[in-house]
Amino acid sequence: MPVEFLGIAGTNPASEVTPRTGGPLDLEYTAKLARAHEDNGWDRILFAYHSGSPDPAQVAAYVAGRTERINLVVAHRPNVAYPTLTAKTFATLDHISGGRFEVHVITGGSTADQAAEGDFLAKDDRYGRTREFIQILKQAWTSDSRFDFNGEHYRFEQFLADIKPLQQPRPRISFGGSSAAAYAVGAAEADIFALWGEPLAGTREQVATIDAEAARAGRADRPTIQIAFRPIVAPTEELAWEKAESILGRIKNGPAPARLRSKTPENAGSQRLLKAVAEGERHDRALWTAPTGVTGGGGNSTALVGTPDTVAAALLDYYDLGIRIFSARGYDIYDDAVDFGRYVIPLVRSEVAHREQRKAS
């Protein structure tokens, strides 16, 4: 499988280092950022979800009309809509986008943010619900006859969707998590398993766990593995690390210090990231964990720092572990999307093509 790149579909220019000057949904900026990804070699963009954010599915429908090629990955939490409704909504979006829709199913790593929308299930129960949700989506998108479902979290009778996705057999479903329950569900049900950027040793360990769980679930293959980083790229190594330290200062004095997380996060992925922080700020070829320490293990927070050649080589180290999708989001979101697309993506694609050619010969 060729390598893919996933960017972010922001709805305003704000980030950990940039204050928001307008409202939550700047449509002109949203379209501009999406086109910047499309015009600079990216394959996919993620429309993120938060309890108070603009609805990602509607934003994706808007972007579909202003782009031509890029795939639109919509984050969705199972607690916010019944799966039969979700199946129809997303099949419709697949038609609107000309078959460019994918879904990223979020189980929910923050109990507080789940509760903000009325979800009070315990964490492992949320994973059980996610399993059922994905199973229903798959069947609703592919079944030509009415079907029943009688699970722990969902029950219905004789459902049949009149609208099916344009993509055949169906759009891809991605999923993320690092707990035992997450590995079991994602390895069994997901097409793409998303990880946060850990040192190579930790990533190798997670890939092995996903492989084992996929085999345990009876799959002949495993999900495609995706990994996320924050790229910090400059023309020289010295300038890249100066830029990194500047970004760290901007995070510490940034626009939203109240959002910095607890030093004891509840989700396993953040706990793993903080373990990497405790082992040192610099790992392997270019991995930098200092932003992760400042944000208390907050999500996609580990950086790859260096020249385009260095960052591309670091990504290829992960490619060698079996990673096939790279998620990258800079701190200066628009400019970094352009720079990463122009200077890093071509290097990775070229080397992957050379390796595939050598393998085939």
Protein backbone atom coordinates (compact mmCIF):
# COMPACT_ATOMS: atom_id res chain seq x y z
CA MET A 1 0.00 0.00 0.00
CA PRO A 2 1.37 3.46 -0.84
CA VAL A 3 1.93 5.92 1.97
CA GLU A 4 -0.81 8.46 2.79
CA PHE A 5 -0.83 11.81 4.57
CA LEU A 6 -3.60 13.16 6.81
CA GLY A 7 -3.85 16.85 7.70
CA ILE A 8 -6.26 18.89 9.79
CA ALA A 9 -9.37 20.69 8.58
CA GLY A 10 -9.43 23.64 10.97
CA THR A 11 -12.42 25.98 11.06
CA ASN A 12 -10.42 28.96 12.34
CA PRO A 13 -6.70 29.83 12.58
CA ALA A 14 -6.40 29.21 16.33
CA SER A 15 -3.95 26.70 17.78
CA GLU A 16 -1.98 26.19 20.98
CA VAL A 17 0.22 29.11 19.91
CA THR A 18 -2.24 31.34 18.03
CA PRO A 19 -5.21 33.07 19.66
CA ARG A 20 -8.59 33.01 17.95
CA THR A 21 -9.53 36.47 16.75
CA GLY A 22 -12.93 35.67 15.25
CA GLY A 23 -15.72 33.16 15.70
CA PRO A 24 -15.48 29.37 15.77
CA LEU A 25 -16.40 28.95 12.10
CA ASP A 26 -14.52 31.09 9.60
CA LEU A 27 -15.75 29.63 6.31
CA GLU A 28 -13.26 31.49 4.14
CA TYR A 29 -10.34 30.21 6.23
CA THR A 30 -11.85 26.69 6.35
CA ALA A 31 -11.95 26.47 2.55
CA LYS A 32 -8.52 28.09 2.20
CA LEU A 33 -6.92 25.57 4.57
CA ALA A 34 -8.57 22.61 2.86
CA ARG A 35 -7.35 23.78 -0.54
CA ALA A 36 -3.84 24.31 0.86
CA HIS A 37 -3.78 20.62 1.76
CA GLU A 38 -5.24 19.57 -1.57
CA ASP A 39 -2.82 21.71 -3.56
CA ASN A 40 0.26 20.51 -1.67
CA GLY A 41 0.13 16.75 -1.88
CA TRP A 42 -1.98 15.69 1.10
CA ASP A 43 -4.44 12.78 0.74
CA ARG A 44 -6.89 13.34 3.59
CA ILE A 45 -7.97 15.99 6.11
CA LEU A 46 -9.60 15.36 9.48
CA PHE A 47 -12.65 17.29 10.68
CA ALA A 48 -12.17 17.05 14.44
CA TYR A 49 -14.86 16.71 17.12
CA HIS A 50 -15.32 18.41 20.47
CA SER A 51 -18.47 18.78 22.53
CA GLY A 52 -18.74 22.50 21.75
CA SER A 53 -17.24 22.68 18.26
CA PRO A 54 -18.96 23.32 14.91
CA ASP A 55 -20.51 20.13 13.55
CA PRO A 56 -17.76 18.38 11.55
CA ALA A 57 -20.11 16.61 9.12
CA GLN A 58 -21.68 19.87 7.97
CA VAL A 59 -18.29 21.53 7.68
CA ALA A 60 -17.09 18.57 5.58
CA ALA A 61 -20.12 18.95 3.28
CA TYR A 62 -19.20 22.62 2.82
CA VAL A 63 -15.57 21.76 2.05
CA ALA A 64 -16.67 19.03 -0.39
CA GLY A 65 -18.07 21.75 -2.64
CA ARG A 66 -14.81 23.70 -2.57
CA THR A 67 -12.34 20.90 -3.21
CA GLU A 68 -11.97 18.25 -5.88
CA ARG A 69 -9.64 15.49 -4.76
CA ILE A 70 -8.88 15.34 -1.06
CA ASN A 71 -10.62 12.80 1.17
CA LEU A 72 -12.75 14.18 4.02
CA VAL A 73 -12.37 12.30 7.32
CA VAL A 74 -15.18 13.18 9.73
CA ALA A 75 -14.67 12.51 13.44
CA HIS A 76 -17.79 11.15 15.12
CA ARG A 77 -18.71 10.06 18.64
CA PRO A 78 -21.20 7.17 18.88
CA ASN A 79 -23.06 8.79 21.77
CA VAL A 80 -24.29 11.80 19.75
CA ALA A 81 -26.48 10.04 17.15
CA TYR A 82 -28.10 6.65 16.68
CA PRO A 83 -26.06 4.50 14.26
CA THR A 84 -28.89 4.06 11.71
CA LEU A 85 -29.20 7.85 11.40
CA THR A 86 -25.42 8.18 11.25
CA ALA A 87 -25.24 5.59 8.46
CA LYS A 88 -27.70 7.58 6.32
CA THR A 89 -26.07 10.92 7.14
CA PHE A 90 -22.63 9.70 6.14
CA ALA A 91 -23.85 7.84 3.04
CA THR A 92 -25.41 11.12 1.94
CA LEU A 93 -22.14 12.95 2.61
CA ASP A 94 -20.29 10.34 0.56
CA HIS A 95 -22.55 11.20 -2.39
CA ILE A 96 -22.17 14.95 -1.84
CA SER A 97 -18.38 14.60 -1.84
CA GLY A 98 -18.24 12.32 -4.87
CA GLY A 99 -17.03 9.34 -2.85
CA ARG A 100 -14.43 11.17 -0.77
CA PHE A 101 -15.86 10.55 2.71
CA GLU A 102 -14.32 8.55 5.57
CA VAL A 103 -15.26 8.39 9.26
CA HIS A 104 -13.04 8.43 12.35
CA VAL A 105 -14.98 6.93 15.25
CA ILE A 106 -14.07 8.45 18.63
CA THR A 107 -14.88 6.39 21.70
CA GLY A 108 -14.07 9.32 24.02
CA GLY A 109 -10.98 9.70 26.17
CA SER A 110 -12.30 12.51 28.36
CA THR A 111 -15.09 11.59 30.75
CA ALA A 112 -15.80 15.30 31.28
CA ASP A 113 -16.22 16.05 27.59
CA GLN A 114 -18.44 12.99 27.16
CA ALA A 115 -20.58 14.13 30.08
CA ALA A 116 -20.95 17.56 28.47
CA GLU A 117 -23.19 15.86 25.90
CA GLY A 118 -24.98 13.54 28.29
CA ASP A 119 -22.77 10.46 28.02
CA PHE A 120 -22.07 8.88 31.40
CA LEU A 121 -20.95 5.40 30.37
CA ALA A 122 -17.77 4.05 31.92
CA LYS A 123 -14.74 3.95 29.61
CA ASP A 124 -14.72 0.20 28.84
CA ASP A 125 -18.48 0.32 28.25
CA ARG A 126 -17.89 3.11 25.74
CA TYR A 127 -15.57 0.80 23.82
CA GLY A 128 -18.25 -1.89 23.81
CA ARG A 129 -20.68 0.65 22.38
CA THR A 130 -18.12 1.65 19.73
CA ARG A 131 -17.76 -1.98 18.64
CA GLU A 132 -21.52 -2.27 18.11
CA PHE A 133 -21.65 1.14 16.41
CA ILE A 134 -19.01 0.18 13.84
CA GLN A 135 -20.65 -3.18 13.20
CA ILE A 136 -23.97 -1.46 12.51
CA LEU A 137 -22.40 1.11 10.19
CA LYS A 138 -20.79 -1.63 8.12
CA GLN A 139 -24.02 -3.61 7.80
CA ALA A 140 -26.18 -0.55 7.12
CA TRP A 141 -23.84 0.53 4.33
CA THR A 142 -23.67 -2.87 2.65
CA SER A 143 -26.92 -4.74 3.36
CA ASP A 144 -29.53 -4.99 0.60
CA SER A 145 -32.07 -6.57 2.92
CA ARG A 146 -33.60 -5.51 6.21
CA PHE A 147 -31.75 -6.58 9.33
CA ASP A 148 -32.17 -6.61 13.11
CA PHE A 149 -29.62 -5.75 15.77
CA ASN A 150 -29.89 -6.79 19.41
CA GLY A 151 -26.81 -5.65 21.33
CA GLU A 152 -26.02 -4.32 24.76
CA HIS A 153 -26.12 -0.69 23.59
CA TYR A 154 -28.30 -0.70 20.46
CA ARG A 155 -31.44 -2.55 19.49
CA PHE A 156 -33.61 -2.17 16.40
CA GLU A 157 -35.63 -4.28 13.97
CA GLN A 158 -35.87 -4.49 10.20
CA PHE A 159 -33.69 -1.53 9.24
CA LEU A 160 -32.76 -0.94 5.61
CA ALA A 161 -31.04 2.19 4.32
CA ASP A 162 -32.32 3.36 0.96
CA ILE A 163 -29.16 5.41 0.42
CA LYS A 164 -25.87 3.53 0.34
CA PRO A 165 -22.41 5.09 0.09
CA LEU A 166 -21.09 5.88 -3.36
CA GLN A 167 -17.83 4.09 -2.46
CA GLN A 168 -17.92 0.34 -2.80
CA PRO A 169 -18.10 -1.68 -0.75
CA ARG A 170 -18.14 1.20 1.79
CA PRO A 171 -16.06 4.10 3.15
CA ARG A 172 -13.11 3.39 5.42
CA ILE A 173 -13.58 3.52 9.18
CA SER A 174 -10.71 4.66 11.39
CA PHE A 175 -10.40 4.34 15.15
CA GLY A 176 -7.86 5.19 17.84
CA GLY A 177 -6.92 4.16 21.37
CA SER A 178 -4.17 2.57 23.45
CA SER A 179 -5.96 0.66 26.22
CA ALA A 180 -6.57 -3.08 26.24
CA ALA A 181 -10.22 -2.49 25.35
CA ALA A 182 -9.22 -0.16 22.51
CA TYR A 183 -6.79 -2.66 21.00
CA ALA A 184 -9.43 -5.39 21.06
CA VAL A 185 -12.14 -3.28 19.41
CA GLY A 186 -10.00 -1.45 16.87
CA ALA A 187 -8.01 -4.49 15.77
CA ALA A 188 -11.23 -6.43 15.22
CA GLU A 189 -13.41 -3.78 13.58
CA ALA A 190 -11.46 -0.82 12.15
CA ASP A 191 -9.99 -0.37 8.70
CA ILE A 192 -7.46 2.12 10.08
CA PHE A 193 -5.99 2.10 13.60
CA ALA A 194 -4.72 5.54 14.65
CA LEU A 195 -1.87 5.96 17.13
CA TRP A 196 -0.21 9.01 18.67
CA GLY A 197 3.47 9.51 17.94
CA GLU A 198 5.58 7.58 20.42
CA PRO A 199 9.26 6.63 20.24
CA LEU A 200 9.98 3.82 17.81
CA ALA A 201 10.18 1.18 20.55
CA GLY A 202 6.76 2.04 21.92
CA THR A 203 5.25 2.16 18.44
CA ARG A 204 6.74 -1.22 17.59
CA GLU A 205 5.13 -2.59 20.75
CA GLN A 206 1.72 -1.16 19.83
CA VAL A 207 1.87 -2.51 16.28
CA ALA A 208 2.66 -5.98 17.64
CA THR A 209 -0.31 -5.75 20.02
CA ILE A 210 -2.64 -4.72 17.18
CA ASP A 211 -1.35 -7.61 15.07
CA ALA A 212 -2.01 -10.06 17.89
CA GLU A 213 -5.50 -8.73 18.55
CA ALA A 214 -6.38 -8.80 14.84
CA ALA A 215 -5.29 -12.44 14.67
CA ARG A 216 -7.28 -13.21 17.82
CA ALA A 217 -10.34 -11.68 16.18
CA GLY A 218 -9.90 -13.97 13.19
CA ARG A 219 -8.87 -11.29 10.69
CA ALA A 220 -6.73 -12.34 7.77
CA ASP A 221 -5.22 -8.86 7.69
CA ARG A 222 -4.72 -6.10 10.22
CA PRO A 223 -5.95 -2.52 10.15
CA THR A 224 -3.79 -0.02 8.30
CA ILE A 225 -1.74 1.75 10.98
CA GLN A 226 -1.77 5.55 11.19
CA ILE A 227 0.47 7.68 13.44
CA ALA A 228 0.31 11.37 14.36
CA PHE A 229 3.03 13.98 14.86
CA ARG A 230 3.47 17.75 15.08
CA PRO A 231 6.14 18.60 12.46
CA ILE A 232 8.57 21.47 13.14
CA VAL A 233 10.60 21.95 9.97
CA ALA A 234 13.24 24.51 8.95
CA PRO A 235 16.06 24.75 6.37
CA THR A 236 18.79 23.77 8.88
CA GLU A 237 18.87 21.66 12.04
CA GLU A 238 19.87 24.68 14.10
CA LEU A 239 16.97 26.77 12.78
CA ALA A 240 14.56 23.88 13.33
CA TRP A 241 15.50 23.56 17.00
CA GLU A 242 15.37 27.33 17.46
CA LYS A 243 11.88 27.22 15.99
CA ALA A 244 10.98 24.34 18.31
CA GLU A 245 12.07 26.23 21.42
CA SER A 246 10.16 29.30 20.23
CA ILE A 247 7.03 27.19 19.77
CA LEU A 248 7.45 25.71 23.25
CA GLY A 249 7.57 29.22 24.71
CA ARG A 250 4.48 30.19 22.74
CA ILE A 251 2.65 27.12 24.11
CA LYS A 252 3.60 27.98 27.69
CA ASN A 253 2.42 31.57 27.26
CA GLY A 254 -0.25 30.72 24.73
CA PRO A 255 -3.86 31.68 24.26
CA ALA A 256 -5.43 28.82 26.20
CA PRO A 257 -3.40 27.83 29.28
CA ALA A 258 -6.61 26.69 30.98
CA ARG A 259 -6.84 23.86 28.46
CA LEU A 260 -3.51 22.42 29.49
CA ARG A 261 -4.26 18.99 30.84
CA SER A 262 -3.85 17.35 34.19
CA LYS A 263 -0.54 15.62 34.83
CA THR A 264 -2.55 12.43 35.48
CA PRO A 265 -4.72 12.00 32.35
CA GLU A 266 -7.32 9.24 32.37
CA ASN A 267 -6.74 7.89 28.86
CA ALA A 268 -4.06 5.27 28.18
CA GLY A 269 -2.68 7.07 25.12
CA SER A 270 -1.78 10.18 27.10
CA GLN A 271 -0.32 8.07 29.87
CA ARG A 272 1.95 6.38 27.35
CA LEU A 273 3.04 9.76 25.99
CA LEU A 274 3.91 11.01 29.48
CA LYS A 275 5.98 7.87 30.03
CA ALA A 276 7.99 8.84 26.95
CA VAL A 277 8.40 12.36 28.39
CA ALA A 278 9.75 10.90 31.62
CA GLU A 279 12.35 8.96 29.62
CA GLY A 280 13.66 12.13 27.96
CA GLU A 281 12.75 15.00 25.66
CA ARG A 282 14.57 13.68 22.58
CA HIS A 283 14.14 10.22 21.10
CA ASP A 284 15.36 8.37 18.05
CA ARG A 285 16.14 10.49 14.99
CA ALA A 286 13.94 13.56 15.54
CA LEU A 287 11.16 12.92 18.10
CA TRP A 288 10.69 15.70 20.68
CA THR A 289 8.37 15.28 23.67
CA ALA A 290 8.71 18.67 25.37
CA PRO A 291 5.32 19.97 24.10
CA THR A 292 3.73 16.79 25.44
CA GLY A 293 5.12 17.47 28.90
CA VAL A 294 3.83 21.04 28.89
CA THR A 295 0.33 19.97 27.84
CA GLY A 296 0.13 17.04 30.26
CA GLY A 297 0.13 14.39 27.56
CA GLY A 298 -2.45 16.18 25.47
CA GLY A 299 -3.32 14.14 22.41
CA ASN A 300 -1.34 14.73 19.25
CA SER A 301 1.54 16.59 20.88
CA THR A 302 4.85 14.87 20.12
CA ALA A 303 6.91 16.66 17.48
CA LEU A 304 9.36 15.70 14.76
CA VAL A 305 12.02 18.41 14.54
CA GLY A 306 14.58 19.01 11.82
CA THR A 307 15.19 19.75 8.18
CA PRO A 308 12.82 18.28 5.58
CA ASP A 309 15.36 15.50 5.00
CA THR A 310 15.56 14.70 8.72
CA VAL A 311 11.80 14.70 9.26
CA ALA A 312 11.24 12.60 6.13
CA ALA A 313 13.86 10.10 7.31
CA ALA A 314 12.18 9.95 10.74
CA LEU A 315 8.82 9.20 9.10
CA LEU A 316 10.45 6.46 7.06
CA ASP A 317 11.72 4.89 10.29
CA TYR A 318 8.06 4.51 11.25
CA TYR A 319 7.22 3.30 7.75
CA ASP A 320 9.70 0.49 8.38
CA LEU A 321 7.59 -0.53 11.39
CA GLY A 322 4.56 -0.95 9.15
CA ILE A 323 3.01 2.53 9.44
CA ARG A 324 1.29 3.52 6.21
CA ILE A 325 -0.61 6.72 7.10
CA PHE A 326 1.08 9.78 8.61
CA SER A 327 -1.03 12.40 10.37
CA ALA A 328 0.75 15.74 10.63
CA ARG A 329 -0.44 19.08 11.99
CA GLY A 330 1.83 22.02 12.57
CA TYR A 331 1.42 24.76 15.15
CA ASP A 332 1.06 27.54 12.58
CA ILE A 333 -1.58 25.49 10.87
CA TYR A 334 -1.88 26.99 7.39
CA ASP A 335 1.80 27.78 6.79
CA ASP A 336 2.92 24.43 8.16
CA ALA A 337 0.43 22.56 5.96
CA VAL A 338 1.93 24.25 2.90
CA ASP A 339 5.56 23.76 3.96
CA PHE A 340 5.16 20.13 5.01
CA GLY A 341 3.34 19.38 1.78
CA ARG A 342 5.97 21.05 -0.37
CA TYR A 343 9.14 19.92 1.33
CA VAL A 344 8.51 16.71 3.31
CA ILE A 345 5.75 14.75 1.59
CA PRO A 346 7.58 14.49 -1.78
CA LEU A 347 10.70 13.13 -0.06
CA VAL A 348 8.74 10.41 1.73
CA ARG A 349 6.72 9.47 -1.34
CA SER A 350 9.85 9.26 -3.50
CA GLU A 351 11.70 6.99 -1.08
CA VAL A 352 8.65 4.77 -0.57
CA ALA A 353 8.29 4.44 -4.35
CA HIS A 354 11.97 3.46 -4.64
CA ARG A 355 11.56 0.83 -1.93
CA GLU A 356 8.43 -0.61 -3.56
CA GLN A 357 10.20 -0.70 -6.91
CA ARG A 358 13.18 -2.53 -5.42
CA LYS A 359 10.84 -4.98 -3.72
CA ALA A 360 9.03 -5.70 -7.00
CA SER A 361 12.22 -6.20 -9.02
